[in-house]
Amino acid sequence: MSLMTKADRDAAIREKLQSDVKVYLTCGIHNWTYGSRKPWDFNCPQCSYAAFLGLIMSLPPNRRDEMQDALEEGIHHMVESAERGELQKMDFLKHPEVTVEKA
């Protein structure tokens, strides 16, 4: 079972083929690249950030608004839980360091 319909897949492929810009999402600590077969380190902020961005970027254009709505709803529920004192205390990952390099 695929999360993407054929139309979604075609739209994503068309978008990628129209762009001449290549983006590689990597973790500089573990030398992990999004899309590689090597598993990423779930406890590493840079690996997690690259994986998250890769998932967002691989969505077809017509599904991005839907994903943004889902993310906003999740954050809204977290804020409500925190206000009620129900949010579990946990160590959230700090923001990763992002670098841009030209190949």
PDB file of N, CA and C in Angstrom:
ATOM      1  N   MET A   1       0.841  -1.177   0.000  1.00  0.00           N
ATOM      2  CA  MET A   1       0.000   0.000   0.000  1.00  0.00           C
ATOM      3  C   MET A   1       0.885   1.239   0.000  1.00  0.00           C
ATOM      4  N   SER A   2       0.633   2.134  -0.906  1.00  0.00           N
ATOM      5  CA  SER A   2       1.432   3.345  -1.038  1.00  0.00           C
ATOM      6  C   SER A   2       0.680   4.527  -0.445  1.00  0.00           C
ATOM      7  N   LEU A   3       1.412   5.446   0.166  1.00  0.00           N
ATOM      8  CA  LEU A   3       0.801   6.652   0.696  1.00  0.00           C
ATOM      9  C   LEU A   3       0.513   7.660  -0.405  1.00  0.00           C
ATOM     10  N   MET A   4       1.143   7.469  -1.566  1.00  0.00           N
ATOM     11  CA  MET A   4       0.985   8.398  -2.671  1.00  0.00           C
ATOM     12  C   MET A   4       0.196   7.743  -3.798  1.00  0.00           C
ATOM     13  N   THR A   5      -0.701   8.503  -4.380  1.00  0.00           N
ATOM     14  CA  THR A   5      -1.411   8.004  -5.551  1.00  0.00           C
ATOM     15  C   THR A   5      -0.507   8.179  -6.764  1.00  0.00           C
ATOM     16  N   LYS A   6      -0.890   7.606  -7.879  1.00  0.00           N
ATOM     17  CA  LYS A   6      -0.101   7.743  -9.097  1.00  0.00           C
ATOM     18  C   LYS A   6      -0.002   9.210  -9.505  1.00  0.00           C
ATOM     19  N   ALA A   7      -1.086   9.957  -9.353  1.00  0.00           N
ATOM     20  CA  ALA A   7      -1.071  11.386  -9.701  1.00  0.00           C
ATOM     21  C   ALA A   7      -0.100  12.156  -8.801  1.00  0.00           C
ATOM     22  N   ASP A   8      -0.083  11.819  -7.492  1.00  0.00           N
ATOM     23  CA  ASP A   8       0.856  12.463  -6.565  1.00  0.00           C
ATOM     24  C   ASP A   8       2.291  12.155  -6.958  1.00  0.00           C
ATOM     25  N   ARG A   9       2.546  10.897  -7.259  1.00  0.00           N
ATOM     26  CA  ARG A   9       3.899  10.469  -7.635  1.00  0.00           C
ATOM     27  C   ARG A   9       4.347  11.171  -8.915  1.00  0.00           C
ATOM     28  N   ASP A  10       3.450  11.247  -9.883  1.00  0.00           N
ATOM     29  CA  ASP A  10       3.774  11.923 -11.145  1.00  0.00           C
ATOM     30  C   ASP A  10       4.060  13.403 -10.921  1.00  0.00           C
ATOM     31  N   ALA A  11       3.276  14.048 -10.056  1.00  0.00           N
ATOM     32  CA  ALA A  11       3.490  15.471  -9.772  1.00  0.00           C
ATOM     33  C   ALA A  11       4.836  15.692  -9.093  1.00  0.00           C
ATOM     34  N   ALA A  12       5.197  14.812  -8.167  1.00  0.00           N
ATOM     35  CA  ALA A  12       6.489  14.938  -7.482  1.00  0.00           C
ATOM     36  C   ALA A  12       7.646  14.734  -8.454  1.00  0.00           C
ATOM     37  N   ILE A  13       7.525  13.756  -9.320  1.00  0.00           N
ATOM     38  CA  ILE A  13       8.579  13.496 -10.313  1.00  0.00           C
ATOM     39  C   ILE A  13       8.702  14.668 -11.278  1.00  0.00           C
ATOM     40  N   ARG A  14       7.569  15.187 -11.737  1.00  0.00           N
ATOM     41  CA  ARG A  14       7.578  16.323 -12.660  1.00  0.00           C
ATOM     42  C   ARG A  14       8.262  17.536 -12.021  1.00  0.00           C
ATOM     43  N   GLU A  15       7.952  17.785 -10.740  1.00  0.00           N
ATOM     44  CA  GLU A  15       8.557  18.922 -10.040  1.00  0.00           C
ATOM     45  C   GLU A  15      10.074  18.764  -9.928  1.00  0.00           C
ATOM     46  N   LYS A  16      10.522  17.556  -9.609  1.00  0.00           N
ATOM     47  CA  LYS A  16      11.961  17.318  -9.453  1.00  0.00           C
ATOM     48  C   LYS A  16      12.696  17.422 -10.794  1.00  0.00           C
ATOM     49  N   LEU A  17      12.056  16.988 -11.858  1.00  0.00           N
ATOM     50  CA  LEU A  17      12.688  17.050 -13.171  1.00  0.00           C
ATOM     51  C   LEU A  17      12.761  18.477 -13.706  1.00  0.00           C
ATOM     52  N   GLN A  18      11.849  19.335 -13.304  1.00  0.00           N
ATOM     53  CA  GLN A  18      11.843  20.710 -13.778  1.00  0.00           C
ATOM     54  C   GLN A  18      12.910  21.561 -13.098  1.00  0.00           C
ATOM     55  N   SER A  19      13.384  21.139 -11.962  1.00  0.00           N
ATOM     56  CA  SER A  19      14.379  21.915 -11.220  1.00  0.00           C
ATOM     57  C   SER A  19      15.776  21.417 -11.554  1.00  0.00           C
ATOM     58  N   ASP A  20      16.697  22.362 -11.751  1.00  0.00           N
ATOM     59  CA  ASP A  20      18.084  21.980 -12.005  1.00  0.00           C
ATOM     60  C   ASP A  20      18.910  22.028 -10.718  1.00  0.00           C
ATOM     61  N   VAL A  21      18.268  22.295  -9.597  1.00  0.00           N
ATOM     62  CA  VAL A  21      18.949  22.380  -8.311  1.00  0.00           C
ATOM     63  C   VAL A  21      18.880  21.021  -7.620  1.00  0.00           C
ATOM     64  N   LYS A  22      20.005  20.526  -7.194  1.00  0.00           N
ATOM     65  CA  LYS A  22      20.062  19.268  -6.448  1.00  0.00           C
ATOM     66  C   LYS A  22      20.343  19.600  -4.979  1.00  0.00           C
ATOM     67  N   VAL A  23      19.579  19.018  -4.087  1.00  0.00           N
ATOM     68  CA  VAL A  23      19.740  19.241  -2.665  1.00  0.00           C
ATOM     69  C   VAL A  23      20.040  17.903  -2.008  1.00  0.00           C
ATOM     70  N   TYR A  24      21.123  17.839  -1.260  1.00  0.00           N
ATOM     71  CA  TYR A  24      21.458  16.644  -0.497  1.00  0.00           C
ATOM     72  C   TYR A  24      21.331  16.986   0.978  1.00  0.00           C
ATOM     73  N   LEU A  25      20.480  16.269   1.659  1.00  0.00           N
ATOM     74  CA  LEU A  25      20.275  16.469   3.083  1.00  0.00           C
ATOM     75  C   LEU A  25      21.170  15.484   3.818  1.00  0.00           C
ATOM     76  N   THR A  26      22.149  16.015   4.522  1.00  0.00           N
ATOM     77  CA  THR A  26      23.130  15.145   5.175  1.00  0.00           C
ATOM     78  C   THR A  26      23.326  15.522   6.635  1.00  0.00           C
ATOM     79  N   CYS A  27      23.807  14.561   7.387  1.00  0.00           N
ATOM     80  CA  CYS A  27      24.254  14.791   8.759  1.00  0.00           C
ATOM     81  C   CYS A  27      25.773  14.829   8.716  1.00  0.00           C
ATOM     82  N   GLY A  28      26.349  15.958   9.098  1.00  0.00           N
ATOM     83  CA  GLY A  28      27.792  16.107   9.083  1.00  0.00           C
ATOM     84  C   GLY A  28      28.493  15.283  10.150  1.00  0.00           C
ATOM     85  N   ILE A  29      27.755  14.877  11.154  1.00  0.00           N
ATOM     86  CA  ILE A  29      28.355  14.083  12.234  1.00  0.00           C
ATOM     87  C   ILE A  29      28.495  12.624  11.819  1.00  0.00           C
ATOM     88  N   HIS A  30      27.430  12.069  11.252  1.00  0.00           N
ATOM     89  CA  HIS A  30      27.399  10.641  10.930  1.00  0.00           C
ATOM     90  C   HIS A  30      27.573  10.336   9.443  1.00  0.00           C
ATOM     91  N   ASN A  31      27.757  11.372   8.635  1.00  0.00           N
ATOM     92  CA  ASN A  31      27.881  11.211   7.185  1.00  0.00           C
ATOM     93  C   ASN A  31      26.692  10.437   6.607  1.00  0.00           C
ATOM     94  N   TRP A  32      25.523  10.710   7.164  1.00  0.00           N
ATOM     95  CA  TRP A  32      24.307  10.072   6.683  1.00  0.00           C
ATOM     96  C   TRP A  32      23.618  11.023   5.719  1.00  0.00           C
ATOM     97  N   THR A  33      23.128  10.506   4.605  1.00  0.00           N
ATOM     98  CA  THR A  33      22.426  11.293   3.606  1.00  0.00           C
ATOM     99  C   THR A  33      21.008  10.769   3.457  1.00  0.00           C
ATOM    100  N   TYR A  34      20.041  11.681   3.401  1.00  0.00           N
ATOM    101  CA  TYR A  34      18.655  11.272   3.217  1.00  0.00           C
ATOM    102  C   TYR A  34      18.525  10.494   1.918  1.00  0.00           C
ATOM    103  N   GLY A  35      17.861   9.366   2.001  1.00  0.00           N
ATOM    104  CA  GLY A  35      17.677   8.514   0.827  1.00  0.00           C
ATOM    105  C   GLY A  35      18.673   7.370   0.759  1.00  0.00           C
ATOM    106  N   SER A  36      19.688   7.390   1.630  1.00  0.00           N
ATOM    107  CA  SER A  36      20.658   6.294   1.605  1.00  0.00           C
ATOM    108  C   SER A  36      20.081   5.077   2.317  1.00  0.00           C
ATOM    109  N   ARG A  37      20.663   3.936   2.074  1.00  0.00           N
ATOM    110  CA  ARG A  37      20.191   2.702   2.707  1.00  0.00           C
ATOM    111  C   ARG A  37      20.692   2.564   4.144  1.00  0.00           C
ATOM    112  N   LYS A  38      21.713   3.308   4.467  1.00  0.00           N
ATOM    113  CA  LYS A  38      22.274   3.273   5.823  1.00  0.00           C
ATOM    114  C   LYS A  38      21.260   3.892   6.793  1.00  0.00           C
ATOM    115  N   PRO A  39      20.963   3.227   7.918  1.00  0.00           N
ATOM    116  CA  PRO A  39      19.993   3.787   8.864  1.00  0.00           C
ATOM    117  C   PRO A  39      20.540   5.041   9.546  1.00  0.00           C
ATOM    118  N   TRP A  40      19.652   5.953   9.895  1.00  0.00           N
ATOM    119  CA  TRP A  40      20.083   7.173  10.554  1.00  0.00           C
ATOM    120  C   TRP A  40      19.993   7.025  12.060  1.00  0.00           C
ATOM    121  N   ASP A  41      20.733   7.856  12.769  1.00  0.00           N
ATOM    122  CA  ASP A  41      20.773   7.838  14.228  1.00  0.00           C
ATOM    123  C   ASP A  41      19.585   8.650  14.757  1.00  0.00           C
ATOM    124  N   PHE A  42      18.614   7.987  15.363  1.00  0.00           N
ATOM    125  CA  PHE A  42      17.399   8.643  15.830  1.00  0.00           C
ATOM    126  C   PHE A  42      17.666   9.633  16.957  1.00  0.00           C
ATOM    127  N   ASN A  43      18.788   9.507  17.649  1.00  0.00           N
ATOM    128  CA  ASN A  43      19.108  10.405  18.752  1.00  0.00           C
ATOM    129  C   ASN A  43      19.926  11.611  18.316  1.00  0.00           C
ATOM    130  N   CYS A  44      20.248  11.686  17.048  1.00  0.00           N
ATOM    131  CA  CYS A  44      21.071  12.785  16.533  1.00  0.00           C
ATOM    132  C   CYS A  44      20.169  13.876  15.953  1.00  0.00           C
ATOM    133  N   PRO A  45      20.287  15.124  16.438  1.00  0.00           N
ATOM    134  CA  PRO A  45      19.454  16.206  15.907  1.00  0.00           C
ATOM    135  C   PRO A  45      19.665  16.439  14.415  1.00  0.00           C
ATOM    136  N   GLN A  46      20.896  16.340  13.932  1.00  0.00           N
ATOM    137  CA  GLN A  46      21.157  16.586  12.516  1.00  0.00           C
ATOM    138  C   GLN A  46      20.561  15.489  11.642  1.00  0.00           C
ATOM    139  N   CYS A  47      20.700  14.230  12.056  1.00  0.00           N
ATOM    140  CA  CYS A  47      20.092  13.124  11.300  1.00  0.00           C
ATOM    141  C   CYS A  47      18.574  13.276  11.281  1.00  0.00           C
ATOM    142  N   SER A  48      17.986  13.585  12.431  1.00  0.00           N
ATOM    143  CA  SER A  48      16.532  13.726  12.528  1.00  0.00           C
ATOM    144  C   SER A  48      16.031  14.877  11.672  1.00  0.00           C
ATOM    145  N   TYR A  49      16.761  15.979  11.673  1.00  0.00           N
ATOM    146  CA  TYR A  49      16.362  17.147  10.890  1.00  0.00           C
ATOM    147  C   TYR A  49      16.437  16.841   9.391  1.00  0.00           C
ATOM    148  N   ALA A  50      17.508  16.170   8.981  1.00  0.00           N
ATOM    149  CA  ALA A  50      17.648  15.805   7.563  1.00  0.00           C
ATOM    150  C   ALA A  50      16.527  14.854   7.144  1.00  0.00           C
ATOM    151  N   ALA A  51      16.193  13.902   8.002  1.00  0.00           N
ATOM    152  CA  ALA A  51      15.117  12.953   7.694  1.00  0.00           C
ATOM    153  C   ALA A  51      13.773  13.667   7.618  1.00  0.00           C
ATOM    154  N   PHE A  52      13.514  14.577   8.551  1.00  0.00           N
ATOM    155  CA  PHE A  52      12.255  15.327   8.558  1.00  0.00           C
ATOM    156  C   PHE A  52      12.128  16.181   7.298  1.00  0.00           C
ATOM    157  N   LEU A  53      13.178  16.926   6.971  1.00  0.00           N
ATOM    158  CA  LEU A  53      13.129  17.755   5.767  1.00  0.00           C
ATOM    159  C   LEU A  53      12.977  16.899   4.514  1.00  0.00           C
ATOM    160  N   GLY A  54      13.643  15.760   4.480  1.00  0.00           N
ATOM    161  CA  GLY A  54      13.526  14.865   3.334  1.00  0.00           C
ATOM    162  C   GLY A  54      12.103  14.380   3.136  1.00  0.00           C
ATOM    163  N   LEU A  55      11.443  14.048   4.235  1.00  0.00           N
ATOM    164  CA  LEU A  55      10.053  13.604   4.144  1.00  0.00           C
ATOM    165  C   LEU A  55       9.145  14.727   3.643  1.00  0.00           C
ATOM    166  N   ILE A  56       9.367  15.936   4.143  1.00  0.00           N
ATOM    167  CA  ILE A  56       8.562  17.078   3.718  1.00  0.00           C
ATOM    168  C   ILE A  56       8.819  17.384   2.237  1.00  0.00           C
ATOM    169  N   MET A  57      10.079  17.361   1.834  1.00  0.00           N
ATOM    170  CA  MET A  57      10.429  17.692   0.456  1.00  0.00           C
ATOM    171  C   MET A  57       9.955  16.629  -0.533  1.00  0.00           C
ATOM    172  N   SER A  58       9.795  15.401  -0.080  1.00  0.00           N
ATOM    173  CA  SER A  58       9.381  14.343  -0.999  1.00  0.00           C
ATOM    174  C   SER A  58       7.859  14.292  -1.205  1.00  0.00           C
ATOM    175  N   LEU A  59       7.136  15.111  -0.438  1.00  0.00           N
ATOM    176  CA  LEU A  59       5.686  15.169  -0.634  1.00  0.00           C
ATOM    177  C   LEU A  59       5.372  15.830  -1.969  1.00  0.00           C
ATOM    178  N   PRO A  60       4.361  15.343  -2.661  1.00  0.00           N
ATOM    179  CA  PRO A  60       3.956  16.023  -3.891  1.00  0.00           C
ATOM    180  C   PRO A  60       3.378  17.399  -3.545  1.00  0.00           C
ATOM    181  N   PRO A  61       3.480  18.348  -4.459  1.00  0.00           N
ATOM    182  CA  PRO A  61       3.044  19.719  -4.174  1.00  0.00           C
ATOM    183  C   PRO A  61       1.601  19.831  -3.683  1.00  0.00           C
ATOM    184  N   ASN A  62       0.712  19.011  -4.188  1.00  0.00           N
ATOM    185  CA  ASN A  62      -0.694  19.137  -3.795  1.00  0.00           C
ATOM    186  C   ASN A  62      -0.987  18.559  -2.409  1.00  0.00           C
ATOM    187  N   ARG A  63      -0.013  17.936  -1.754  1.00  0.00           N
ATOM    188  CA  ARG A  63      -0.239  17.374  -0.409  1.00  0.00           C
ATOM    189  C   ARG A  63       0.487  18.170   0.674  1.00  0.00           C
ATOM    190  N   ARG A  64       1.250  19.196   0.298  1.00  0.00           N
ATOM    191  CA  ARG A  64       2.042  19.949   1.277  1.00  0.00           C
ATOM    192  C   ARG A  64       1.178  20.740   2.240  1.00  0.00           C
ATOM    193  N   ASP A  65       0.086  21.322   1.749  1.00  0.00           N
ATOM    194  CA  ASP A  65      -0.812  22.062   2.641  1.00  0.00           C
ATOM    195  C   ASP A  65      -1.429  21.133   3.676  1.00  0.00           C
ATOM    196  N   GLU A  66      -1.781  19.932   3.255  1.00  0.00           N
ATOM    197  CA  GLU A  66      -2.347  18.932   4.164  1.00  0.00           C
ATOM    198  C   GLU A  66      -1.346  18.579   5.270  1.00  0.00           C
ATOM    199  N   MET A  67      -0.078  18.410   4.904  1.00  0.00           N
ATOM    200  CA  MET A  67       0.950  18.081   5.892  1.00  0.00           C
ATOM    201  C   MET A  67       1.183  19.261   6.831  1.00  0.00           C
ATOM    202  N   GLN A  68       1.184  20.475   6.293  1.00  0.00           N
ATOM    203  CA  GLN A  68       1.369  21.640   7.138  1.00  0.00           C
ATOM    204  C   GLN A  68       0.233  21.743   8.152  1.00  0.00           C
ATOM    205  N   ASP A  69      -0.986  21.486   7.719  1.00  0.00           N
ATOM    206  CA  ASP A  69      -2.128  21.507   8.638  1.00  0.00           C
ATOM    207  C   ASP A  69      -1.972  20.460   9.736  1.00  0.00           C
ATOM    208  N   ALA A  70      -1.495  19.270   9.363  1.00  0.00           N
ATOM    209  CA  ALA A  70      -1.302  18.201  10.350  1.00  0.00           C
ATOM    210  C   ALA A  70      -0.221  18.588  11.361  1.00  0.00           C
ATOM    211  N   LEU A  71       0.865  19.188  10.893  1.00  0.00           N
ATOM    212  CA  LEU A  71       1.932  19.622  11.804  1.00  0.00           C
ATOM    213  C   LEU A  71       1.443  20.724  12.744  1.00  0.00           C
ATOM    214  N   GLU A  72       0.691  21.685  12.197  1.00  0.00           N
ATOM    215  CA  GLU A  72       0.143  22.758  13.026  1.00  0.00           C
ATOM    216  C   GLU A  72      -0.805  22.212  14.083  1.00  0.00           C
ATOM    217  N   GLU A  73      -1.633  21.240  13.705  1.00  0.00           N
ATOM    218  CA  GLU A  73      -2.556  20.638  14.658  1.00  0.00           C
ATOM    219  C   GLU A  73      -1.791  19.911  15.772  1.00  0.00           C
ATOM    220  N   GLY A  74      -0.739  19.199  15.397  1.00  0.00           N
ATOM    221  CA  GLY A  74       0.073  18.506  16.406  1.00  0.00           C
ATOM    222  C   GLY A  74       0.718  19.476  17.382  1.00  0.00           C
ATOM    223  N   ILE A  75       1.238  20.568  16.863  1.00  0.00           N
ATOM    224  CA  ILE A  75       1.855  21.582  17.733  1.00  0.00           C
ATOM    225  C   ILE A  75       0.798  22.214  18.628  1.00  0.00           C
ATOM    226  N   HIS A  76      -0.372  22.482  18.074  1.00  0.00           N
ATOM    227  CA  HIS A  76      -1.467  23.062  18.851  1.00  0.00           C
ATOM    228  C   HIS A  76      -1.840  22.146  20.018  1.00  0.00           C
ATOM    229  N   HIS A  77      -1.914  20.846  19.768  1.00  0.00           N
ATOM    230  CA  HIS A  77      -2.237  19.894  20.831  1.00  0.00           C
ATOM    231  C   HIS A  77      -1.125  19.849  21.884  1.00  0.00           C
ATOM    232  N   MET A  78       0.127  19.977  21.454  1.00  0.00           N
ATOM    233  CA  MET A  78       1.227  20.002  22.426  1.00  0.00           C
ATOM    234  C   MET A  78       1.124  21.227  23.327  1.00  0.00           C
ATOM    235  N   VAL A  79       0.810  22.388  22.752  1.00  0.00           N
ATOM    236  CA  VAL A  79       0.669  23.616  23.533  1.00  0.00           C
ATOM    237  C   VAL A  79      -0.478  23.480  24.524  1.00  0.00           C
ATOM    238  N   GLU A  80      -1.601  22.945  24.066  1.00  0.00           N
ATOM    239  CA  GLU A  80      -2.737  22.741  24.967  1.00  0.00           C
ATOM    240  C   GLU A  80      -2.378  21.792  26.108  1.00  0.00           C
ATOM    241  N   SER A  81      -1.672  20.715  25.797  1.00  0.00           N
ATOM    242  CA  SER A  81      -1.252  19.760  26.827  1.00  0.00           C
ATOM    243  C   SER A  81      -0.312  20.415  27.823  1.00  0.00           C
ATOM    244  N   ALA A  82       0.589  21.256  27.337  1.00  0.00           N
ATOM    245  CA  ALA A  82       1.520  21.954  28.225  1.00  0.00           C
ATOM    246  C   ALA A  82       0.769  22.911  29.147  1.00  0.00           C
ATOM    247  N   GLU A  83      -0.231  23.609  28.600  1.00  0.00           N
ATOM    248  CA  GLU A  83      -1.020  24.538  29.421  1.00  0.00           C
ATOM    249  C   GLU A  83      -1.814  23.810  30.495  1.00  0.00           C
ATOM    250  N   ARG A  84      -2.266  22.592  30.205  1.00  0.00           N
ATOM    251  CA  ARG A  84      -3.005  21.793  31.195  1.00  0.00           C
ATOM    252  C   ARG A  84      -2.068  21.046  32.140  1.00  0.00           C
ATOM    253  N   GLY A  85      -0.773  21.117  31.875  1.00  0.00           N
ATOM    254  CA  GLY A  85       0.200  20.421  32.707  1.00  0.00           C
ATOM    255  C   GLY A  85       0.290  18.940  32.405  1.00  0.00           C
ATOM    256  N   GLU A  86      -0.197  18.522  31.250  1.00  0.00           N
ATOM    257  CA  GLU A  86      -0.207  17.108  30.887  1.00  0.00           C
ATOM    258  C   GLU A  86       0.952  16.703  30.001  1.00  0.00           C
ATOM    259  N   LEU A  87       1.718  17.670  29.535  1.00  0.00           N
ATOM    260  CA  LEU A  87       2.826  17.347  28.645  1.00  0.00           C
ATOM    261  C   LEU A  87       3.935  16.683  29.437  1.00  0.00           C
ATOM    262  N   GLN A  88       4.359  15.534  28.984  1.00  0.00           N
ATOM    263  CA  GLN A  88       5.420  14.811  29.664  1.00  0.00           C
ATOM    264  C   GLN A  88       6.730  15.570  29.520  1.00  0.00           C
ATOM    265  N   LYS A  89       7.433  15.692  30.615  1.00  0.00           N
ATOM    266  CA  LYS A  89       8.745  16.338  30.554  1.00  0.00           C
ATOM    267  C   LYS A  89       9.695  15.402  29.834  1.00  0.00           C
ATOM    268  N   MET A  90      10.326  15.912  28.818  1.00  0.00           N
ATOM    269  CA  MET A  90      11.299  15.112  28.083  1.00  0.00           C
ATOM    270  C   MET A  90      12.352  16.045  27.526  1.00  0.00           C
ATOM    271  N   ASP A  91      13.444  15.474  27.166  1.00  0.00           N
ATOM    272  CA  ASP A  91      14.501  16.264  26.564  1.00  0.00           C
ATOM    273  C   ASP A  91      14.235  16.377  25.074  1.00  0.00           C
ATOM    274  N   PHE A  92      13.871  17.573  24.646  1.00  0.00           N
ATOM    275  CA  PHE A  92      13.675  17.794  23.227  1.00  0.00           C
ATOM    276  C   PHE A  92      15.031  18.040  22.587  1.00  0.00           C
ATOM    277  N   LEU A  93      15.176  17.627  21.352  1.00  0.00           N
ATOM    278  CA  LEU A  93      16.432  17.828  20.651  1.00  0.00           C
ATOM    279  C   LEU A  93      16.620  19.309  20.362  1.00  0.00           C
ATOM    280  N   LYS A  94      17.843  19.790  20.537  1.00  0.00           N
ATOM    281  CA  LYS A  94      18.143  21.171  20.191  1.00  0.00           C
ATOM    282  C   LYS A  94      18.195  21.293  18.679  1.00  0.00           C
ATOM    283  N   HIS A  95      18.020  22.505  18.208  1.00  0.00           N
ATOM    284  CA  HIS A  95      18.058  22.727  16.764  1.00  0.00           C
ATOM    285  C   HIS A  95      19.429  22.345  16.217  1.00  0.00           C
ATOM    286  N   PRO A  96      19.438  21.639  15.098  1.00  0.00           N
ATOM    287  CA  PRO A  96      20.723  21.247  14.516  1.00  0.00           C
ATOM    288  C   PRO A  96      21.386  22.439  13.830  1.00  0.00           C
ATOM    289  N   GLU A  97      22.661  22.292  13.613  1.00  0.00           N
ATOM    290  CA  GLU A  97      23.404  23.305  12.866  1.00  0.00           C
ATOM    291  C   GLU A  97      23.234  22.996  11.385  1.00  0.00           C
ATOM    292  N   VAL A  98      22.831  23.981  10.607  1.00  0.00           N
ATOM    293  CA  VAL A  98      22.582  23.787   9.192  1.00  0.00           C
ATOM    294  C   VAL A  98      23.662  24.515   8.398  1.00  0.00           C
ATOM    295  N   THR A  99      24.268  23.838   7.448  1.00  0.00           N
ATOM    296  CA  THR A  99      25.267  24.468   6.587  1.00  0.00           C
ATOM    297  C   THR A  99      24.850  24.272   5.131  1.00  0.00           C
ATOM    298  N   VAL A 100      25.201  25.223   4.307  1.00  0.00           N
ATOM    299  CA  VAL A 100      24.910  25.149   2.876  1.00  0.00           C
ATOM    300  C   VAL A 100      26.241  25.160   2.151  1.00  0.00           C
ATOM    301  N   GLU A 101      26.468  24.127   1.343  1.00  0.00           N
ATOM    302  CA  GLU A 101      27.709  24.014   0.592  1.00  0.00           C
ATOM    303  C   GLU A 101      27.380  23.840  -0.879  1.00  0.00           C
ATOM    304  N   LYS A 102      28.127  24.518  -1.712  1.00  0.00           N
ATOM    305  CA  LYS A 102      27.960  24.342  -3.156  1.00  0.00           C
ATOM    306  C   LYS A 102      28.904  23.246  -3.616  1.00  0.00           C
ATOM    307  N   ALA A 103      28.363  22.355  -4.448  1.00  0.00           N
ATOM    308  CA  ALA A 103      29.165  21.223  -4.948  1.00  0.00           C
ATOM    309  C   ALA A 103      30.071  21.657  -6.074  1.00  0.00           C
TER     310      ALA A 103
END
